[in-house]
PDB file of N, CA and C in Angstrom:
ATOM      1  N   MET A   1      17.223 -61.037 109.732  1.00  0.00           N
ATOM      2  CA  MET A   1      16.604 -62.465 109.826  1.00  0.00           C
ATOM      3  C   MET A   1      15.156 -62.382 109.383  1.00  0.00           C
ATOM      4  N   LYS A   2      14.932 -63.519 108.551  1.00  0.00           N
ATOM      5  CA  LYS A   2      13.560 -63.573 108.058  1.00  0.00           C
ATOM      6  C   LYS A   2      12.667 -64.511 108.857  1.00  0.00           C
ATOM      7  N   ILE A   3      11.428 -64.124 109.279  1.00  0.00           N
ATOM      8  CA  ILE A   3      10.546 -64.863 110.109  1.00  0.00           C
ATOM      9  C   ILE A   3       9.412 -65.437 109.276  1.00  0.00           C
ATOM     10  N   VAL A   4       9.299 -66.707 109.195  1.00  0.00           N
ATOM     11  CA  VAL A   4       8.141 -67.516 108.569  1.00  0.00           C
ATOM     12  C   VAL A   4       7.203 -67.999 109.429  1.00  0.00           C
ATOM     13  N   LEU A   5       5.898 -67.801 109.224  1.00  0.00           N
ATOM     14  CA  LEU A   5       4.844 -68.309 110.072  1.00  0.00           C
ATOM     15  C   LEU A   5       4.051 -69.413 109.187  1.00  0.00           C
ATOM     16  N   THR A   6       4.081 -70.605 109.919  1.00  0.00           N
ATOM     17  CA  THR A   6       3.275 -71.610 109.261  1.00  0.00           C
ATOM     18  C   THR A   6       1.886 -71.524 109.331  1.00  0.00           C
ATOM     19  N   GLU A   7       0.979 -72.119 108.505  1.00  0.00           N
ATOM     20  CA  GLU A   7      -0.507 -72.029 108.665  1.00  0.00           C
ATOM     21  C   GLU A   7      -0.822 -72.429 110.034  1.00  0.00           C
ATOM     22  N   ARG A   8      -0.215 -73.519 110.523  1.00  0.00           N
ATOM     23  CA  ARG A   8      -0.684 -74.164 111.813  1.00  0.00           C
ATOM     24  C   ARG A   8      -0.407 -73.097 112.880  1.00  0.00           C
ATOM     25  N   PHE A   9       0.749 -72.387 112.839  1.00  0.00           N
ATOM     26  CA  PHE A   9       1.076 -71.376 113.851  1.00  0.00           C
ATOM     27  C   PHE A   9       0.042 -70.309 113.842  1.00  0.00           C
ATOM     28  N   GLN A  10      -0.390 -69.851 112.637  1.00  0.00           N
ATOM     29  CA  GLN A  10      -1.174 -68.858 112.463  1.00  0.00           C
ATOM     30  C   GLN A  10      -2.569 -69.191 113.033  1.00  0.00           C
ATOM     31  N   ARG A  11      -2.987 -70.459 112.844  1.00  0.00           N
ATOM     32  CA  ARG A  11      -4.213 -70.905 113.559  1.00  0.00           C
ATOM     33  C   ARG A  11      -4.139 -70.959 114.984  1.00  0.00           C
ATOM     34  N   ASP A  12      -2.971 -71.427 115.531  1.00  0.00           N
ATOM     35  CA  ASP A  12      -2.875 -71.414 117.054  1.00  0.00           C
ATOM     36  C   ASP A  12      -2.885 -70.155 117.587  1.00  0.00           C
ATOM     37  N   VAL A  13      -2.267 -69.115 116.949  1.00  0.00           N
ATOM     38  CA  VAL A  13      -2.232 -67.771 117.581  1.00  0.00           C
ATOM     39  C   VAL A  13      -3.707 -67.277 117.555  1.00  0.00           C
ATOM     40  N   GLY A  14      -4.439 -67.549 116.483  1.00  0.00           N
ATOM     41  CA  GLY A  14      -5.823 -67.070 116.472  1.00  0.00           C
ATOM     42  C   GLY A  14      -6.738 -67.536 117.515  1.00  0.00           C
ATOM     43  N   THR A  15      -6.320 -68.591 118.232  1.00  0.00           N
ATOM     44  CA  THR A  15      -7.236 -69.166 119.454  1.00  0.00           C
ATOM     45  C   THR A  15      -6.711 -68.473 120.771  1.00  0.00           C
ATOM     46  N   LEU A  16      -5.592 -67.687 120.812  1.00  0.00           N
ATOM     47  CA  LEU A  16      -5.110 -67.176 122.060  1.00  0.00           C
ATOM     48  C   LEU A  16      -5.894 -65.966 122.560  1.00  0.00           C
ATOM     49  N   ALA A  17      -5.874 -65.832 123.902  1.00  0.00           N
ATOM     50  CA  ALA A  17      -6.464 -64.691 124.479  1.00  0.00           C
ATOM     51  C   ALA A  17      -5.596 -63.360 124.285  1.00  0.00           C
ATOM     52  N   GLU A  18      -5.989 -62.220 124.328  1.00  0.00           N
ATOM     53  CA  GLU A  18      -5.272 -61.090 123.959  1.00  0.00           C
ATOM     54  C   GLU A  18      -3.994 -61.003 124.869  1.00  0.00           C
ATOM     55  N   ALA A  19      -4.126 -61.300 126.122  1.00  0.00           N
ATOM     56  CA  ALA A  19      -2.914 -61.149 127.137  1.00  0.00           C
ATOM     57  C   ALA A  19      -1.817 -62.132 126.694  1.00  0.00           C
ATOM     58  N   LYS A  20      -2.214 -63.295 126.359  1.00  0.00           N
ATOM     59  CA  LYS A  20      -1.291 -64.370 125.992  1.00  0.00           C
ATOM     60  C   LYS A  20      -0.635 -64.013 124.498  1.00  0.00           C
ATOM     61  N   LEU A  21      -1.472 -63.431 123.725  1.00  0.00           N
ATOM     62  CA  LEU A  21      -0.949 -63.057 122.416  1.00  0.00           C
ATOM     63  C   LEU A  21       0.149 -61.978 122.468  1.00  0.00           C
ATOM     64  N   ALA A  22      -0.047 -61.071 123.387  1.00  0.00           N
ATOM     65  CA  ALA A  22       0.926 -60.060 123.601  1.00  0.00           C
ATOM     66  C   ALA A  22       2.234 -60.794 124.103  1.00  0.00           C
ATOM     67  N   ALA A  23       2.148 -61.801 124.977  1.00  0.00           N
ATOM     68  CA  ALA A  23       3.303 -62.382 125.515  1.00  0.00           C
ATOM     69  C   ALA A  23       3.994 -63.198 124.438  1.00  0.00           C
ATOM     70  N   VAL A  24       3.308 -63.793 123.598  1.00  0.00           N
ATOM     71  CA  VAL A  24       3.819 -64.536 122.384  1.00  0.00           C
ATOM     72  C   VAL A  24       4.686 -63.713 121.446  1.00  0.00           C
ATOM     73  N   PHE A  25       4.068 -62.560 121.127  1.00  0.00           N
ATOM     74  CA  PHE A  25       4.808 -61.597 120.266  1.00  0.00           C
ATOM     75  C   PHE A  25       5.938 -61.011 120.938  1.00  0.00           C
ATOM     76  N   GLN A  26       5.839 -60.865 122.198  1.00  0.00           N
ATOM     77  CA  GLN A  26       7.070 -60.304 122.864  1.00  0.00           C
ATOM     78  C   GLN A  26       8.260 -61.379 122.825  1.00  0.00           C
ATOM     79  N   SER A  27       7.849 -62.579 122.991  1.00  0.00           N
ATOM     80  CA  SER A  27       9.010 -63.715 123.013  1.00  0.00           C
ATOM     81  C   SER A  27       9.440 -63.878 121.394  1.00  0.00           C
ATOM     82  N   ILE A  28       8.536 -63.656 120.376  1.00  0.00           N
ATOM     83  CA  ILE A  28       8.990 -63.760 119.064  1.00  0.00           C
ATOM     84  C   ILE A  28       9.937 -62.629 118.753  1.00  0.00           C
ATOM     85  N   LEU A  29       9.705 -61.424 119.194  1.00  0.00           N
ATOM     86  CA  LEU A  29      10.760 -60.267 119.049  1.00  0.00           C
ATOM     87  C   LEU A  29      12.034 -60.581 119.800  1.00  0.00           C
ATOM     88  N   SER A  30      12.113 -61.393 120.813  1.00  0.00           N
ATOM     89  CA  SER A  30      13.280 -61.668 121.528  1.00  0.00           C
ATOM     90  C   SER A  30      13.981 -62.857 120.916  1.00  0.00           C
ATOM     91  N   LEU A  31      13.497 -63.619 120.092  1.00  0.00           N
ATOM     92  CA  LEU A  31      14.145 -64.848 119.514  1.00  0.00           C
ATOM     93  C   LEU A  31      15.309 -64.560 118.746  1.00  0.00           C
ATOM     94  N   PRO A  32      15.229 -63.640 117.720  1.00  0.00           N
ATOM     95  CA  PRO A  32      16.470 -63.424 116.885  1.00  0.00           C
ATOM     96  C   PRO A  32      17.791 -63.193 117.740  1.00  0.00           C
ATOM     97  N   LYS A  33      17.594 -62.246 118.649  1.00  0.00           N
ATOM     98  CA  LYS A  33      18.779 -62.042 119.551  1.00  0.00           C
ATOM     99  C   LYS A  33      19.162 -63.267 120.400  1.00  0.00           C
ATOM    100  N   ALA A  34      18.163 -63.807 120.907  1.00  0.00           N
ATOM    101  CA  ALA A  34      18.427 -64.982 121.769  1.00  0.00           C
ATOM    102  C   ALA A  34      19.076 -66.157 121.084  1.00  0.00           C
ATOM    103  N   MET A  35      18.782 -66.335 119.690  1.00  0.00           N
ATOM    104  CA  MET A  35      19.409 -67.471 118.923  1.00  0.00           C
ATOM    105  C   MET A  35      20.899 -67.279 118.747  1.00  0.00           C
ATOM    106  N   GLY A  36      21.374 -65.959 118.872  1.00  0.00           N
ATOM    107  CA  GLY A  36      22.670 -65.663 118.758  1.00  0.00           C
ATOM    108  C   GLY A  36      23.521 -65.626 120.105  1.00  0.00           C
ATOM    109  N   GLU A  37      22.761 -65.601 121.190  1.00  0.00           N
ATOM    110  CA  GLU A  37      23.250 -65.520 122.490  1.00  0.00           C
ATOM    111  C   GLU A  37      22.475 -66.367 123.523  1.00  0.00           C
ATOM    112  N   LEU A  38      22.346 -67.666 123.257  1.00  0.00           N
ATOM    113  CA  LEU A  38      21.556 -68.584 123.952  1.00  0.00           C
ATOM    114  C   LEU A  38      21.732 -68.522 125.521  1.00  0.00           C
ATOM    115  N   ASN A  39      22.952 -68.450 125.972  1.00  0.00           N
ATOM    116  CA  ASN A  39      23.320 -68.406 127.426  1.00  0.00           C
ATOM    117  C   ASN A  39      22.867 -67.085 128.076  1.00  0.00           C
ATOM    118  N   ARG A  40      22.577 -66.099 127.303  1.00  0.00           N
ATOM    119  CA  ARG A  40      22.286 -64.836 127.927  1.00  0.00           C
ATOM    120  C   ARG A  40      20.741 -64.565 127.989  1.00  0.00           C
ATOM    121  N   HIS A  41      19.988 -65.546 127.510  1.00  0.00           N
ATOM    122  CA  HIS A  41      18.564 -65.350 127.584  1.00  0.00           C
ATOM    123  C   HIS A  41      17.845 -66.563 128.222  1.00  0.00           C
ATOM    124  N   PRO A  42      18.190 -66.710 129.491  1.00  0.00           N
ATOM    125  CA  PRO A  42      17.609 -67.993 130.224  1.00  0.00           C
ATOM    126  C   PRO A  42      16.073 -67.936 130.437  1.00  0.00           C
ATOM    127  N   GLY A  43      15.455 -66.743 130.350  1.00  0.00           N
ATOM    128  CA  GLY A  43      14.028 -66.518 130.531  1.00  0.00           C
ATOM    129  C   GLY A  43      13.253 -67.176 129.537  1.00  0.00           C
ATOM    130  N   LEU A  44      13.752 -67.307 128.346  1.00  0.00           N
ATOM    131  CA  LEU A  44      13.056 -68.019 127.201  1.00  0.00           C
ATOM    132  C   LEU A  44      13.176 -69.513 127.268  1.00  0.00           C
ATOM    133  N   GLY A  45      14.098 -69.940 127.943  1.00  0.00           N
ATOM    134  CA  GLY A  45      14.316 -71.467 128.144  1.00  0.00           C
ATOM    135  C   GLY A  45      14.348 -72.213 126.791  1.00  0.00           C
ATOM    136  N   ILE A  46      15.085 -71.675 125.888  1.00  0.00           N
ATOM    137  CA  ILE A  46      15.116 -72.266 124.532  1.00  0.00           C
ATOM    138  C   ILE A  46      15.835 -73.503 124.648  1.00  0.00           C
ATOM    139  N   ARG A  47      15.252 -74.643 124.080  1.00  0.00           N
ATOM    140  CA  ARG A  47      16.026 -75.907 124.031  1.00  0.00           C
ATOM    141  C   ARG A  47      15.520 -76.755 122.811  1.00  0.00           C
ATOM    142  N   LYS A  48      16.409 -77.487 122.315  1.00  0.00           N
ATOM    143  CA  LYS A  48      16.234 -78.379 121.167  1.00  0.00           C
ATOM    144  C   LYS A  48      15.215 -79.529 121.688  1.00  0.00           C
ATOM    145  N   ILE A  49      14.089 -79.847 120.912  1.00  0.00           N
ATOM    146  CA  ILE A  49      13.203 -80.861 121.422  1.00  0.00           C
ATOM    147  C   ILE A  49      13.003 -82.077 120.449  1.00  0.00           C
ATOM    148  N   HIS A  50      13.661 -81.912 119.307  1.00  0.00           N
ATOM    149  CA  HIS A  50      13.681 -83.010 118.317  1.00  0.00           C
ATOM    150  C   HIS A  50      14.978 -82.963 117.659  1.00  0.00           C
ATOM    151  N   ARG A  51      15.340 -84.185 117.190  1.00  0.00           N
ATOM    152  CA  ARG A  51      16.617 -84.346 116.441  1.00  0.00           C
ATOM    153  C   ARG A  51      16.593 -83.575 115.060  1.00  0.00           C
ATOM    154  N   SER A  52      15.525 -83.244 114.527  1.00  0.00           N
ATOM    155  CA  SER A  52      15.333 -82.523 113.298  1.00  0.00           C
ATOM    156  C   SER A  52      15.727 -81.100 113.578  1.00  0.00           C
ATOM    157  N   GLY A  53      15.991 -80.655 114.698  1.00  0.00           N
ATOM    158  CA  GLY A  53      16.485 -79.287 114.900  1.00  0.00           C
ATOM    159  C   GLY A  53      15.260 -78.413 115.462  1.00  0.00           C
ATOM    160  N   VAL A  54      13.992 -79.042 115.748  1.00  0.00           N
ATOM    161  CA  VAL A  54      12.954 -78.132 116.081  1.00  0.00           C
ATOM    162  C   VAL A  54      13.257 -77.911 117.609  1.00  0.00           C
ATOM    163  N   ARG A  55      13.009 -76.562 117.902  1.00  0.00           N
ATOM    164  CA  ARG A  55      13.232 -76.059 119.257  1.00  0.00           C
ATOM    165  C   ARG A  55      11.914 -75.523 119.858  1.00  0.00           C
ATOM    166  N   GLU A  56      12.086 -75.371 121.290  1.00  0.00           N
ATOM    167  CA  GLU A  56      10.943 -74.638 121.981  1.00  0.00           C
ATOM    168  C   GLU A  56      11.448 -73.541 122.824  1.00  0.00           C
ATOM    169  N   ALA A  57      10.650 -72.571 123.121  1.00  0.00           N
ATOM    170  CA  ALA A  57      10.820 -71.473 123.868  1.00  0.00           C
ATOM    171  C   ALA A  57       9.690 -71.369 124.832  1.00  0.00           C
ATOM    172  N   ARG A  58       9.858 -70.906 126.034  1.00  0.00           N
ATOM    173  CA  ARG A  58       8.868 -70.756 127.029  1.00  0.00           C
ATOM    174  C   ARG A  58       8.313 -69.345 126.775  1.00  0.00           C
ATOM    175  N   VAL A  59       7.042 -69.098 126.699  1.00  0.00           N
ATOM    176  CA  VAL A  59       6.364 -67.869 126.578  1.00  0.00           C
ATOM    177  C   VAL A  59       5.957 -67.455 128.129  1.00  0.00           C
ATOM    178  N   GLY A  60       5.551 -68.367 128.910  1.00  0.00           N
ATOM    179  CA  GLY A  60       5.073 -68.196 130.152  1.00  0.00           C
ATOM    180  C   GLY A  60       5.028 -69.449 130.974  1.00  0.00           C
ATOM    181  N   LEU A  61       4.225 -69.639 131.849  1.00  0.00           N
ATOM    182  CA  LEU A  61       4.068 -70.975 132.599  1.00  0.00           C
ATOM    183  C   LEU A  61       3.426 -71.852 131.844  1.00  0.00           C
ATOM    184  N   GLY A  62       2.438 -71.454 130.955  1.00  0.00           N
ATOM    185  CA  GLY A  62       1.595 -72.440 130.350  1.00  0.00           C
ATOM    186  C   GLY A  62       1.735 -72.414 128.822  1.00  0.00           C
ATOM    187  N   ILE A  63       2.505 -71.610 128.191  1.00  0.00           N
ATOM    188  CA  ILE A  63       2.533 -71.511 126.747  1.00  0.00           C
ATOM    189  C   ILE A  63       4.047 -71.815 126.256  1.00  0.00           C
ATOM    190  N   ARG A  64       4.026 -72.557 125.242  1.00  0.00           N
ATOM    191  CA  ARG A  64       5.367 -72.885 124.436  1.00  0.00           C
ATOM    192  C   ARG A  64       5.342 -72.432 123.081  1.00  0.00           C
ATOM    193  N   LEU A  65       6.430 -71.936 122.532  1.00  0.00           N
ATOM    194  CA  LEU A  65       6.521 -71.563 121.232  1.00  0.00           C
ATOM    195  C   LEU A  65       7.551 -72.689 120.506  1.00  0.00           C
ATOM    196  N   VAL A  66       7.079 -73.191 119.540  1.00  0.00           N
ATOM    197  CA  VAL A  66       7.834 -74.274 118.761  1.00  0.00           C
ATOM    198  C   VAL A  66       8.377 -73.604 117.494  1.00  0.00           C
ATOM    199  N   PHE A  67       9.618 -73.801 117.191  1.00  0.00           N
ATOM    200  CA  PHE A  67      10.168 -73.129 116.034  1.00  0.00           C
ATOM    201  C   PHE A  67      11.395 -73.879 115.591  1.00  0.00           C
ATOM    202  N   ALA A  68      11.584 -73.644 114.296  1.00  0.00           N
ATOM    203  CA  ALA A  68      13.031 -74.091 113.616  1.00  0.00           C
ATOM    204  C   ALA A  68      13.769 -72.986 113.295  1.00  0.00           C
ATOM    205  N   PHE A  69      15.118 -73.117 113.370  1.00  0.00           N
ATOM    206  CA  PHE A  69      16.077 -72.111 113.022  1.00  0.00           C
ATOM    207  C   PHE A  69      17.138 -72.523 112.038  1.00  0.00           C
ATOM    208  N   GLU A  70      17.124 -72.059 110.932  1.00  0.00           N
ATOM    209  CA  GLU A  70      18.238 -72.329 110.010  1.00  0.00           C
ATOM    210  C   GLU A  70      18.675 -70.929 109.425  1.00  0.00           C
ATOM    211  N   ASP A  71      19.689 -70.390 110.112  1.00  0.00           N
ATOM    212  CA  ASP A  71      20.059 -69.081 109.727  1.00  0.00           C
ATOM    213  C   ASP A  71      20.130 -68.816 108.314  1.00  0.00           C
ATOM    214  N   PRO A  72      19.467 -67.743 107.827  1.00  0.00           N
ATOM    215  CA  PRO A  72      18.846 -66.605 108.527  1.00  0.00           C
ATOM    216  C   PRO A  72      17.299 -66.772 108.552  1.00  0.00           C
ATOM    217  N   VAL A  73      16.754 -67.996 108.529  1.00  0.00           N
ATOM    218  CA  VAL A  73      15.211 -68.071 108.566  1.00  0.00           C
ATOM    219  C   VAL A  73      14.869 -68.785 109.873  1.00  0.00           C
ATOM    220  N   LEU A  74      13.961 -68.080 110.483  1.00  0.00           N
ATOM    221  CA  LEU A  74      13.366 -68.546 111.760  1.00  0.00           C
ATOM    222  C   LEU A  74      11.870 -68.910 111.438  1.00  0.00           C
ATOM    223  N   THR A  75      11.413 -70.240 111.471  1.00  0.00           N
ATOM    224  CA  THR A  75      10.207 -70.692 111.101  1.00  0.00           C
ATOM    225  C   THR A  75       9.345 -70.983 112.438  1.00  0.00           C
ATOM    226  N   LEU A  76       8.229 -70.216 112.664  1.00  0.00           N
ATOM    227  CA  LEU A  76       7.418 -70.340 113.796  1.00  0.00           C
ATOM    228  C   LEU A  76       6.470 -71.569 113.526  1.00  0.00           C
ATOM    229  N   VAL A  77       6.387 -72.601 114.132  1.00  0.00           N
ATOM    230  CA  VAL A  77       5.687 -73.863 113.764  1.00  0.00           C
ATOM    231  C   VAL A  77       4.393 -73.974 114.589  1.00  0.00           C
ATOM    232  N   ARG A  78       4.466 -73.813 115.886  1.00  0.00           N
ATOM    233  CA  ARG A  78       3.324 -74.067 116.864  1.00  0.00           C
ATOM    234  C   ARG A  78       3.356 -73.196 118.000  1.00  0.00           C
ATOM    235  N   VAL A  79       2.325 -72.760 118.521  1.00  0.00           N
ATOM    236  CA  VAL A  79       2.287 -72.066 119.875  1.00  0.00           C
ATOM    237  C   VAL A  79       1.107 -72.856 120.623  1.00  0.00           C
ATOM    238  N   GLY A  80       1.346 -73.288 121.901  1.00  0.00           N
ATOM    239  CA  GLY A  80       0.391 -73.910 122.727  1.00  0.00           C
ATOM    240  C   GLY A  80       0.821 -74.360 123.954  1.00  0.00           C
ATOM    241  N   THR A  81       0.152 -75.258 124.666  1.00  0.00           N
ATOM    242  CA  THR A  81       0.537 -75.696 125.858  1.00  0.00           C
ATOM    243  C   THR A  81       1.626 -76.817 125.846  1.00  0.00           C
ATOM    244  N   HIS A  82       2.002 -77.333 126.883  1.00  0.00           N
ATOM    245  CA  HIS A  82       3.079 -78.410 126.846  1.00  0.00           C
ATOM    246  C   HIS A  82       2.503 -79.611 126.184  1.00  0.00           C
ATOM    247  N   ASP A  83       1.230 -79.899 126.470  1.00  0.00           N
ATOM    248  CA  ASP A  83       0.504 -81.012 125.870  1.00  0.00           C
ATOM    249  C   ASP A  83       0.366 -80.931 124.415  1.00  0.00           C
ATOM    250  N   ASP A  84       0.133 -79.659 123.836  1.00  0.00           N
ATOM    251  CA  ASP A  84       0.115 -79.460 122.419  1.00  0.00           C
ATOM    252  C   ASP A  84       1.340 -79.612 121.838  1.00  0.00           C
ATOM    253  N   VAL A  85       2.479 -79.274 122.421  1.00  0.00           N
ATOM    254  CA  VAL A  85       3.856 -79.563 121.889  1.00  0.00           C
ATOM    255  C   VAL A  85       4.159 -80.940 121.882  1.00  0.00           C
ATOM    256  N   GLN A  86       3.767 -81.707 122.865  1.00  0.00           N
ATOM    257  CA  GLN A  86       4.014 -83.196 122.903  1.00  0.00           C
ATOM    258  C   GLN A  86       3.295 -83.900 121.769  1.00  0.00           C
ATOM    259  N   LYS A  87       2.019 -83.488 121.594  1.00  0.00           N
ATOM    260  CA  LYS A  87       1.242 -84.039 120.481  1.00  0.00           C
ATOM    261  C   LYS A  87       1.798 -83.829 119.095  1.00  0.00           C
ATOM    262  N   TYR A  88       2.391 -82.570 118.974  1.00  0.00           N
ATOM    263  CA  TYR A  88       3.102 -82.220 117.695  1.00  0.00           C
ATOM    264  C   TYR A  88       4.304 -83.052 117.560  1.00  0.00           C
ATOM    265  N   LEU A  89       5.151 -83.376 118.471  1.00  0.00           N
ATOM    266  CA  LEU A  89       6.261 -84.067 118.461  1.00  0.00           C
ATOM    267  C   LEU A  89       5.977 -85.519 118.117  1.00  0.00           C
ATOM    268  N   ARG A  90       4.801 -86.085 118.534  1.00  0.00           N
ATOM    269  CA  ARG A  90       4.451 -87.480 118.171  1.00  0.00           C
ATOM    270  C   ARG A  90       4.098 -87.586 116.702  1.00  0.00           C
ATOM    271  N   GLU A  91       3.644 -86.382 116.123  1.00  0.00           N
ATOM    272  CA  GLU A  91       3.249 -86.499 114.671  1.00  0.00           C
ATOM    273  C   GLU A  91       4.460 -86.291 113.742  1.00  0.00           C
ATOM    274  N   LEU A  92       5.648 -85.913 114.171  1.00  0.00           N
ATOM    275  CA  LEU A  92       6.795 -85.791 113.478  1.00  0.00           C
ATOM    276  C   LEU A  92       7.405 -87.090 113.052  1.00  0.00           C
TER     277      LEU A  92
END
């Protein structure tokens, strides 16, 4: 699986504290397997959030990871709070 990072995602990651950054990368490493077995990875809480196919995964209580998946490409779009994700969705 190929993983693509958008510029916005890279900027978002740059603003995270080290502990949160580690959690984000742990979630990213779990995503490829989770996309193949959605029901077996309830901890990530993956769900579709837009009709275009954009999805989100929970990284922790306060962080969400926004991505698009078109096999075999996983595009990481945003990482941030619930409010950041809602703002991104309004821009779509």
